[in-house]
């Protein structure tokens, strides 16, 4: 066949045989394209489900590895133990939330205590206090620095509360009393 006439339209109409061939192969092409499209969507869905299952299994395995190890346990046992722990956590969560809220108030009170304008701020809020710290600004900053350093060694749920009330109260009860004034100022 001569290639120079391949891309030019025919000067004559198509014969019935040529029309049949064109229709047959056109329909096969459309069918193949639809099959490829449907297969691709189905494969992608299976791949996403497989990825999600692997992610969930990895999550359960990591949660399970933090618990007591039971050899040869099934996935159902692992899931049951994770949900039991989740229910137990859910029961204590409000208490944890209250504790972290109290600790964040202690943290803010420490920041206010270390502020150079702390006395003025407290006296503006309640003029009847006539608060005057027994420590200079530099001494208060040093007290706060010591408490913050020591808080790192305490329970991470309530580190500031424990560092102030359990540790520093024995060292310097006057500073703790002043910090508690700032804490009371936060609650009003």
Protein backbone atom coordinates (compact mmCIF):
# COMPACT_ATOMS: atom_id res chain seq x y z
CA UNK A 1 0.00 0.00 0.00
CA UNK A 2 1.19 3.47 -0.70
CA UNK A 3 1.75 5.43 2.52
CA UNK A 4 1.16 8.82 1.03
CA UNK A 5 -2.59 8.12 0.72
CA UNK A 6 -3.06 6.67 4.25
CA UNK A 7 -4.18 9.87 6.01
CA UNK A 8 -6.35 11.21 3.22
CA UNK A 9 -10.09 10.57 3.16
CA UNK A 10 -11.31 8.07 0.63
CA UNK A 11 -12.61 9.47 -2.59
CA UNK A 12 -15.24 6.72 -2.60
CA UNK A 13 -17.77 5.65 0.04
CA UNK A 14 -16.97 2.71 2.30
CA UNK A 15 -18.10 -0.71 1.19
CA UNK A 16 -20.42 -2.72 3.51
CA UNK A 17 -17.51 -5.00 4.37
CA UNK A 18 -15.31 -2.03 5.35
CA UNK A 19 -18.16 -0.54 7.41
CA UNK A 20 -18.62 -3.85 9.23
CA UNK A 21 -14.90 -4.09 9.97
CA UNK A 22 -14.80 -0.51 11.18
CA UNK A 23 -17.90 -1.02 13.37
CA UNK A 24 -16.63 -4.32 14.75
CA UNK A 25 -13.17 -3.00 15.68
CA UNK A 26 -14.60 0.31 16.94
CA UNK A 27 -16.93 -1.58 19.27
CA UNK A 28 -14.03 -3.77 20.43
CA UNK A 29 -11.95 -0.66 21.11
CA UNK A 30 -14.75 0.94 23.18
CA UNK A 31 -15.28 -2.33 25.06
CA UNK A 32 -11.53 -2.65 25.77
CA UNK A 33 -11.37 0.98 26.97
CA UNK A 34 -14.36 0.49 29.31
CA UNK A 35 -12.92 -2.78 30.62
CA UNK A 36 -9.57 -1.11 31.31
CA UNK A 37 -11.28 1.79 33.06
CA UNK A 38 -13.47 -0.45 35.25
CA UNK A 39 -10.53 -2.72 36.07
CA UNK A 40 -8.38 0.29 37.01
CA UNK A 41 -11.05 1.70 39.34
CA UNK A 42 -11.60 -1.72 40.94
CA UNK A 43 -7.84 -2.27 41.40
CA UNK A 44 -7.44 1.20 42.93
CA UNK A 45 -10.30 0.50 45.37
CA UNK A 46 -8.73 -2.82 46.40
CA UNK A 47 -5.34 -1.16 46.79
CA UNK A 48 -6.82 1.56 49.02
CA UNK A 49 -8.62 -1.04 51.16
CA UNK A 50 -5.44 -3.09 51.44
CA UNK A 51 -3.45 0.00 52.47
CA UNK A 52 -6.09 0.88 55.09
CA UNK A 53 -6.04 -2.65 56.48
CA UNK A 54 -2.24 -2.60 56.72
CA UNK A 55 -2.37 0.80 58.45
CA UNK A 56 -4.98 -0.44 60.94
CA UNK A 57 -3.00 -3.60 61.63
CA UNK A 58 0.15 -1.56 62.21
CA UNK A 59 -1.77 0.74 64.57
CA UNK A 60 -3.19 -2.18 66.53
CA UNK A 61 0.19 -3.90 66.63
CA UNK A 62 1.85 -0.76 67.98
CA UNK A 63 -0.87 -0.33 70.60
CA UNK A 64 -0.62 -4.00 71.43
CA UNK A 65 3.14 -3.89 71.74
CA UNK A 66 2.78 -1.25 74.45
CA UNK A 67 0.60 -3.64 76.45
CA UNK A 68 1.51 -6.96 78.01
CA UNK A 69 2.75 -9.41 75.42
CA UNK A 70 0.67 -12.55 74.96
CA UNK A 71 2.36 -15.05 72.63
CA UNK A 72 0.34 -16.45 69.74
CA UNK A 73 -2.69 -14.24 70.35
CA UNK A 74 -5.08 -13.53 67.52
CA UNK A 75 -5.96 -10.16 66.08
CA UNK A 76 -9.37 -10.37 67.80
CA UNK A 77 -7.69 -10.64 71.19
CA UNK A 78 -5.45 -7.70 70.37
CA UNK A 79 -8.41 -5.57 69.28
CA UNK A 80 -10.43 -6.54 72.36
CA UNK A 81 -7.57 -5.52 74.67
CA UNK A 82 -7.09 -2.21 72.85
CA UNK A 83 -10.80 -1.42 73.22
CA UNK A 84 -10.76 -2.38 76.90
CA UNK A 85 -7.88 0.02 77.46
CA UNK A 86 -9.69 2.72 75.45
CA UNK A 87 -12.78 2.35 77.62
CA UNK A 88 -10.67 2.60 80.77
CA UNK A 89 -8.96 5.72 79.39
CA UNK A 90 -12.33 7.22 78.51
CA UNK A 91 -13.45 6.78 82.12
CA UNK A 92 -10.43 8.63 83.52
CA UNK A 93 -10.22 11.26 80.74
CA UNK A 94 -12.32 13.95 82.50
CA UNK A 95 -10.06 13.69 85.55
CA UNK A 96 -6.97 13.99 83.33
CA UNK A 97 -8.47 17.00 81.60
CA UNK A 98 -9.11 18.70 84.96
CA UNK A 99 -5.57 17.96 86.11
CA UNK A 100 -3.97 19.34 82.94
CA UNK A 101 -6.17 22.43 83.22
CA UNK A 102 -5.02 23.00 86.81
CA UNK A 103 -1.40 22.52 85.75
CA UNK A 104 -1.74 25.01 82.90
CA UNK A 105 -3.07 27.55 85.43
CA UNK A 106 0.04 26.96 87.55
CA UNK A 107 2.17 27.51 84.47
CA UNK A 108 0.44 30.82 83.75
CA UNK A 109 0.77 31.87 87.40
CA UNK A 110 4.52 31.19 87.20
CA UNK A 111 4.81 33.30 84.06
CA UNK A 112 2.92 36.14 85.76
CA UNK A 113 5.09 35.84 88.88
CA UNK A 114 8.24 36.19 86.77
CA UNK A 115 6.86 39.27 85.02
CA UNK A 116 8.47 42.57 86.00
CA UNK A 117 5.08 44.27 86.18
CA UNK A 118 3.53 41.47 88.25
CA UNK A 119 3.00 43.48 91.40
CA UNK A 120 1.31 46.33 89.53
CA UNK A 121 -0.92 43.91 87.64
CA UNK A 122 -2.05 42.13 90.81
CA UNK A 123 -2.64 45.42 92.69
CA UNK A 124 -4.66 46.81 89.77
CA UNK A 125 -6.89 43.75 89.86
CA UNK A 126 -7.43 43.88 93.62
CA UNK A 127 -6.27 47.16 95.25
CA UNK A 128 -7.14 45.83 98.73
CA UNK A 129 -4.24 43.32 98.49
CA UNK A 130 -1.48 45.94 98.42
CA UNK A 131 0.81 43.16 97.24
CA UNK A 132 4.53 43.75 97.55
CA UNK A 133 6.78 40.78 96.82
CA UNK A 134 9.49 39.93 99.29
CA UNK A 135 11.75 39.14 96.33
CA UNK A 136 13.24 41.35 93.64
CA UNK A 137 12.43 40.83 89.99
CA UNK A 138 15.71 38.92 89.43
CA UNK A 139 15.08 36.68 92.43
CA UNK A 140 11.55 35.89 91.20
CA UNK A 141 12.91 35.01 87.76
CA UNK A 142 15.47 32.70 89.41
CA UNK A 143 12.72 31.04 91.49
CA UNK A 144 10.64 30.44 88.36
CA UNK A 145 13.67 29.10 86.49
CA UNK A 146 14.39 26.61 89.31
CA UNK A 147 10.77 25.45 89.39
CA UNK A 148 10.66 25.04 85.59
CA UNK A 149 13.88 23.01 85.66
CA UNK A 150 12.61 20.80 88.46
CA UNK A 151 9.20 20.36 86.75
CA UNK A 152 10.91 18.36 84.02
CA UNK A 153 11.62 15.57 86.51
CA UNK A 154 8.01 15.24 87.67
CA UNK A 155 4.95 13.51 86.22
CA UNK A 156 4.30 14.99 82.78
CA UNK A 157 0.55 15.35 83.36
CA UNK A 158 0.94 17.87 86.20
CA UNK A 159 4.62 18.86 86.37
CA UNK A 160 4.22 22.48 87.51
CA UNK A 161 1.70 21.64 90.21
CA UNK A 162 3.97 18.94 91.62
CA UNK A 163 7.14 21.06 91.35
CA UNK A 164 5.52 23.97 93.18
CA UNK A 165 3.39 22.19 95.77
CA UNK A 166 5.51 19.13 96.53
CA UNK A 167 9.07 20.28 95.95
CA UNK A 168 9.43 24.07 96.21
CA UNK A 169 6.99 24.50 99.12
CA UNK A 170 9.56 22.81 101.40
CA UNK A 171 12.36 25.05 100.10
CA UNK A 172 10.59 28.42 100.12
CA UNK A 173 7.00 28.57 101.41
CA UNK A 174 6.87 32.38 101.07
CA UNK A 175 7.50 32.21 97.30
CA UNK A 176 4.86 29.50 96.95
CA UNK A 177 2.40 31.68 98.86
CA UNK A 178 3.10 34.55 96.45
CA UNK A 179 2.70 32.25 93.42
CA UNK A 180 -0.62 31.07 94.86
CA UNK A 181 -1.76 34.71 95.00
CA UNK A 182 -1.22 34.91 91.25
CA UNK A 183 -3.03 31.59 90.87
CA UNK A 184 -6.01 32.95 92.82
CA UNK A 185 -5.92 36.04 90.59
CA UNK A 186 -6.35 33.75 87.54
CA UNK A 187 -9.49 32.11 88.92
CA UNK A 188 -11.32 35.38 89.52
